[in-house]
């Protein structure tokens, strides 16, 4: 069983303020979670194939193709941002 001091230490690392009731509750819950992992260790996975995903889907991407703009002014005119010459000024993200 995880001690209450260990729960307080984990909470401190996660920058959580827990009440005494929560510490007691999480002590029991974390202990049961770790007990479940002990049960999983007993499962024989020796002949089990590794799985990265289970849907059977594959990453499908389109080919990169270059398209020439027919009318640059019309394309630039579609932006809601400020236009300077043939460039678009966008807001900073930082």
N, C-alpha and C. Protein backbone atom coordinates (compact mmCIF):
# COMPACT_ATOMS: atom_id res chain seq x y z
N UNK A 1 0.85 -1.19 0.00
CA UNK A 1 0.00 0.00 0.00
C UNK A 1 0.89 1.24 0.00
N UNK A 2 0.48 2.21 -0.77
CA UNK A 2 1.22 3.47 -0.84
C UNK A 2 0.92 4.27 0.41
N UNK A 3 1.96 4.76 1.02
CA UNK A 3 1.76 5.53 2.25
C UNK A 3 1.24 6.92 1.94
N UNK A 4 0.69 7.56 2.96
CA UNK A 4 0.17 8.91 2.79
C UNK A 4 1.30 9.89 2.50
N UNK A 5 2.48 9.62 3.05
CA UNK A 5 3.62 10.49 2.76
C UNK A 5 4.01 10.40 1.29
N UNK A 6 3.94 9.20 0.71
CA UNK A 6 4.24 9.04 -0.70
C UNK A 6 3.22 9.78 -1.57
N UNK A 7 1.94 9.72 -1.17
CA UNK A 7 0.90 10.44 -1.90
C UNK A 7 1.15 11.93 -1.82
N UNK A 8 1.52 12.42 -0.64
CA UNK A 8 1.82 13.85 -0.49
C UNK A 8 3.01 14.25 -1.37
N UNK A 9 4.01 13.38 -1.45
CA UNK A 9 5.19 13.66 -2.27
C UNK A 9 4.80 13.72 -3.76
N UNK A 10 3.99 12.76 -4.20
CA UNK A 10 3.53 12.75 -5.59
C UNK A 10 2.70 14.00 -5.87
N UNK A 11 1.85 14.38 -4.93
CA UNK A 11 1.02 15.58 -5.10
C UNK A 11 1.90 16.82 -5.18
N UNK A 12 2.95 16.86 -4.39
CA UNK A 12 3.87 18.00 -4.43
C UNK A 12 4.57 18.08 -5.78
N UNK A 13 4.99 16.94 -6.32
CA UNK A 13 5.64 16.92 -7.63
C UNK A 13 4.68 17.39 -8.72
N UNK A 14 3.40 17.06 -8.56
CA UNK A 14 2.39 17.46 -9.53
C UNK A 14 1.82 18.85 -9.22
N UNK A 15 2.35 19.47 -8.18
CA UNK A 15 1.91 20.81 -7.75
C UNK A 15 0.42 20.82 -7.44
N UNK A 16 -0.02 19.80 -6.69
CA UNK A 16 -1.41 19.70 -6.26
C UNK A 16 -1.49 19.89 -4.76
N UNK A 17 -2.49 20.59 -4.33
CA UNK A 17 -2.76 20.74 -2.90
C UNK A 17 -3.89 19.79 -2.54
N UNK A 18 -3.57 18.77 -1.76
CA UNK A 18 -4.57 17.78 -1.38
C UNK A 18 -4.91 17.91 0.09
N UNK A 19 -6.19 17.74 0.40
CA UNK A 19 -6.61 17.71 1.80
C UNK A 19 -6.26 16.35 2.39
N UNK A 20 -6.38 16.21 3.70
CA UNK A 20 -6.08 14.94 4.35
C UNK A 20 -7.03 13.84 3.87
N UNK A 21 -8.27 14.20 3.62
CA UNK A 21 -9.25 13.23 3.12
C UNK A 21 -8.85 12.75 1.73
N UNK A 22 -8.41 13.67 0.88
CA UNK A 22 -7.98 13.30 -0.47
C UNK A 22 -6.73 12.45 -0.43
N UNK A 23 -5.80 12.77 0.46
CA UNK A 23 -4.58 11.97 0.58
C UNK A 23 -4.93 10.54 0.95
N UNK A 24 -5.84 10.37 1.88
CA UNK A 24 -6.25 9.03 2.30
C UNK A 24 -6.94 8.29 1.14
N UNK A 25 -7.81 9.01 0.43
CA UNK A 25 -8.54 8.42 -0.70
C UNK A 25 -7.56 7.99 -1.79
N UNK A 26 -6.64 8.87 -2.16
CA UNK A 26 -5.71 8.56 -3.24
C UNK A 26 -4.69 7.51 -2.85
N UNK A 27 -4.40 7.41 -1.59
CA UNK A 27 -3.50 6.35 -1.12
C UNK A 27 -4.10 4.99 -1.45
N UNK A 28 -5.39 4.83 -1.18
CA UNK A 28 -6.06 3.56 -1.47
C UNK A 28 -6.20 3.36 -2.98
N UNK A 29 -6.58 4.41 -3.71
CA UNK A 29 -6.78 4.28 -5.15
C UNK A 29 -5.47 3.97 -5.88
N UNK A 30 -4.40 4.67 -5.54
CA UNK A 30 -3.11 4.41 -6.19
C UNK A 30 -2.62 3.00 -5.87
N UNK A 31 -2.86 2.56 -4.66
CA UNK A 31 -2.46 1.20 -4.29
C UNK A 31 -3.20 0.16 -5.12
N UNK A 32 -4.51 0.38 -5.33
CA UNK A 32 -5.28 -0.58 -6.13
C UNK A 32 -4.83 -0.56 -7.60
N UNK A 33 -4.45 0.60 -8.09
CA UNK A 33 -3.95 0.69 -9.47
C UNK A 33 -2.65 -0.09 -9.60
N UNK A 34 -1.74 0.08 -8.66
CA UNK A 34 -0.47 -0.65 -8.71
C UNK A 34 -0.68 -2.14 -8.53
N UNK A 35 -1.66 -2.53 -7.72
CA UNK A 35 -1.98 -3.96 -7.58
C UNK A 35 -2.46 -4.53 -8.91
N UNK A 36 -3.24 -3.75 -9.66
CA UNK A 36 -3.71 -4.20 -10.96
C UNK A 36 -2.53 -4.40 -11.91
N UNK A 37 -1.53 -3.50 -11.86
CA UNK A 37 -0.35 -3.68 -12.70
C UNK A 37 0.40 -4.95 -12.33
N UNK A 38 0.41 -5.30 -11.06
CA UNK A 38 1.03 -6.57 -10.65
C UNK A 38 0.29 -7.75 -11.27
N UNK A 39 -1.04 -7.65 -11.36
CA UNK A 39 -1.81 -8.72 -12.01
C UNK A 39 -1.45 -8.81 -13.49
N UNK A 40 -1.26 -7.65 -14.13
CA UNK A 40 -0.92 -7.65 -15.55
C UNK A 40 0.45 -8.27 -15.81
N UNK A 41 1.35 -8.16 -14.85
CA UNK A 41 2.69 -8.74 -15.01
C UNK A 41 2.62 -10.26 -15.13
N UNK A 42 1.56 -10.86 -14.57
CA UNK A 42 1.43 -12.31 -14.58
C UNK A 42 0.93 -12.84 -15.92
N UNK A 43 0.41 -11.98 -16.78
CA UNK A 43 -0.12 -12.41 -18.07
C UNK A 43 1.03 -12.79 -19.00
N UNK A 44 0.90 -13.95 -19.64
CA UNK A 44 1.92 -14.43 -20.56
C UNK A 44 1.74 -13.74 -21.92
N UNK A 45 2.66 -12.88 -22.27
CA UNK A 45 2.59 -12.15 -23.55
C UNK A 45 3.72 -12.57 -24.48
N UNK A 46 4.32 -13.70 -24.20
CA UNK A 46 5.49 -14.16 -24.95
C UNK A 46 5.18 -14.33 -26.44
N UNK A 47 4.02 -14.90 -26.77
CA UNK A 47 3.69 -15.17 -28.17
C UNK A 47 2.76 -14.11 -28.75
N UNK A 48 2.60 -13.00 -28.08
CA UNK A 48 1.73 -11.94 -28.54
C UNK A 48 2.51 -10.97 -29.42
N UNK A 49 1.94 -10.67 -30.57
CA UNK A 49 2.59 -9.77 -31.51
C UNK A 49 2.43 -8.32 -31.04
N UNK A 50 3.48 -7.53 -31.20
CA UNK A 50 3.40 -6.12 -30.82
C UNK A 50 2.39 -5.41 -31.69
N UNK A 51 1.69 -4.46 -31.10
CA UNK A 51 0.66 -3.72 -31.81
C UNK A 51 0.86 -2.23 -31.60
N UNK A 52 0.93 -1.50 -32.69
CA UNK A 52 1.03 -0.04 -32.56
C UNK A 52 -0.34 0.60 -32.71
N UNK A 53 -1.23 -0.06 -33.44
CA UNK A 53 -2.62 0.38 -33.56
C UNK A 53 -3.46 -0.81 -33.98
N UNK A 54 -4.74 -0.74 -33.71
CA UNK A 54 -5.58 -1.92 -33.91
C UNK A 54 -6.66 -1.75 -34.97
N UNK A 55 -6.73 -0.60 -35.62
CA UNK A 55 -7.80 -0.36 -36.58
C UNK A 55 -7.54 -0.95 -37.94
N UNK A 56 -6.29 -1.26 -38.26
CA UNK A 56 -5.96 -1.78 -39.57
C UNK A 56 -5.78 -0.69 -40.61
N UNK A 57 -5.97 0.56 -40.21
CA UNK A 57 -5.81 1.65 -41.15
C UNK A 57 -4.34 1.98 -41.34
N UNK A 58 -4.01 2.46 -42.50
CA UNK A 58 -2.65 2.87 -42.79
C UNK A 58 -2.64 4.37 -43.03
N UNK A 59 -1.51 4.98 -42.81
CA UNK A 59 -1.38 6.41 -43.04
C UNK A 59 -1.47 6.69 -44.53
N UNK A 60 -2.50 7.38 -44.92
CA UNK A 60 -2.72 7.68 -46.33
C UNK A 60 -2.48 9.18 -46.52
N UNK A 61 -1.54 9.51 -47.37
CA UNK A 61 -1.24 10.91 -47.64
C UNK A 61 -1.30 11.14 -49.13
N UNK A 62 -1.59 12.35 -49.50
CA UNK A 62 -1.62 12.66 -50.92
C UNK A 62 -0.21 13.05 -51.36
N UNK A 63 0.01 12.96 -52.65
CA UNK A 63 1.30 13.36 -53.20
C UNK A 63 1.42 14.87 -53.15
N UNK A 64 2.61 15.37 -52.89
CA UNK A 64 2.85 16.80 -52.95
C UNK A 64 2.93 17.22 -54.41
N UNK A 65 2.07 18.14 -54.77
CA UNK A 65 2.07 18.64 -56.13
C UNK A 65 2.09 20.16 -56.08
N UNK A 66 2.81 20.75 -57.00
CA UNK A 66 2.90 22.20 -57.09
C UNK A 66 1.83 22.70 -58.04
N UNK A 67 1.05 23.65 -57.55
CA UNK A 67 0.03 24.28 -58.39
C UNK A 67 0.40 25.74 -58.56
N UNK A 68 0.40 26.18 -59.79
CA UNK A 68 0.68 27.58 -60.08
C UNK A 68 -0.60 28.38 -59.93
N UNK A 69 -0.51 29.48 -59.19
CA UNK A 69 -1.68 30.35 -59.04
C UNK A 69 -1.94 31.06 -60.35
N UNK A 70 -3.19 31.11 -60.75
CA UNK A 70 -3.56 31.79 -62.00
C UNK A 70 -3.58 33.30 -61.80
N UNK A 71 -4.07 33.73 -60.64
CA UNK A 71 -4.20 35.15 -60.39
C UNK A 71 -3.77 35.44 -58.96
N UNK A 72 -2.53 35.89 -58.77
CA UNK A 72 -1.96 36.09 -57.45
C UNK A 72 -2.75 37.12 -56.64
N UNK A 73 -3.17 38.21 -57.28
CA UNK A 73 -3.89 39.26 -56.56
C UNK A 73 -5.22 38.74 -56.00
N UNK A 74 -5.88 37.91 -56.76
CA UNK A 74 -7.15 37.34 -56.31
C UNK A 74 -6.93 36.43 -55.10
N UNK A 75 -5.87 35.61 -55.15
CA UNK A 75 -5.56 34.72 -54.03
C UNK A 75 -5.20 35.51 -52.78
N UNK A 76 -4.36 36.53 -52.93
CA UNK A 76 -3.96 37.33 -51.78
C UNK A 76 -5.16 38.12 -51.23
N UNK A 77 -6.08 38.49 -52.10
CA UNK A 77 -7.25 39.22 -51.67
C UNK A 77 -8.20 38.42 -50.80
N UNK A 78 -8.04 37.12 -50.75
CA UNK A 78 -8.92 36.27 -49.94
C UNK A 78 -8.56 36.29 -48.45
N UNK A 79 -7.42 36.83 -48.09
CA UNK A 79 -6.98 36.77 -46.70
C UNK A 79 -7.65 37.86 -45.87
N UNK A 80 -7.95 37.54 -44.60
CA UNK A 80 -8.48 38.57 -43.71
C UNK A 80 -7.36 39.39 -43.07
N UNK A 81 -6.10 39.04 -43.35
CA UNK A 81 -4.95 39.70 -42.75
C UNK A 81 -4.47 40.87 -43.61
N UNK A 82 -3.59 41.64 -43.04
CA UNK A 82 -3.02 42.79 -43.73
C UNK A 82 -2.11 42.33 -44.87
N UNK A 83 -2.21 42.99 -46.00
CA UNK A 83 -1.41 42.65 -47.18
C UNK A 83 -0.41 43.77 -47.44
N UNK A 84 0.84 43.38 -47.66
CA UNK A 84 1.90 44.34 -48.01
C UNK A 84 2.53 43.86 -49.32
N UNK A 85 2.21 44.54 -50.40
CA UNK A 85 2.72 44.11 -51.70
C UNK A 85 2.09 42.80 -52.08
N UNK A 86 2.92 41.77 -52.29
CA UNK A 86 2.37 40.44 -52.59
C UNK A 86 2.61 39.48 -51.43
N UNK A 87 2.73 40.06 -50.22
CA UNK A 87 2.93 39.24 -49.02
C UNK A 87 1.80 39.50 -48.03
N UNK A 88 1.54 38.51 -47.19
CA UNK A 88 0.48 38.60 -46.19
C UNK A 88 1.13 38.72 -44.82
N UNK A 89 0.74 39.74 -44.06
CA UNK A 89 1.26 39.90 -42.70
C UNK A 89 0.26 39.24 -41.75
N UNK A 90 0.77 38.28 -40.99
CA UNK A 90 -0.09 37.57 -40.04
C UNK A 90 0.31 37.95 -38.63
N UNK A 91 -0.59 37.81 -37.65
CA UNK A 91 -0.26 38.18 -36.27
C UNK A 91 0.80 37.25 -35.69
N UNK A 92 1.58 37.81 -34.76
CA UNK A 92 2.58 36.99 -34.06
C UNK A 92 1.89 35.92 -33.23
N UNK A 93 2.57 34.81 -33.07
CA UNK A 93 2.01 33.75 -32.24
C UNK A 93 2.76 33.62 -30.92
N UNK A 94 3.81 34.36 -30.75
CA UNK A 94 4.59 34.30 -29.52
C UNK A 94 4.45 35.58 -28.76
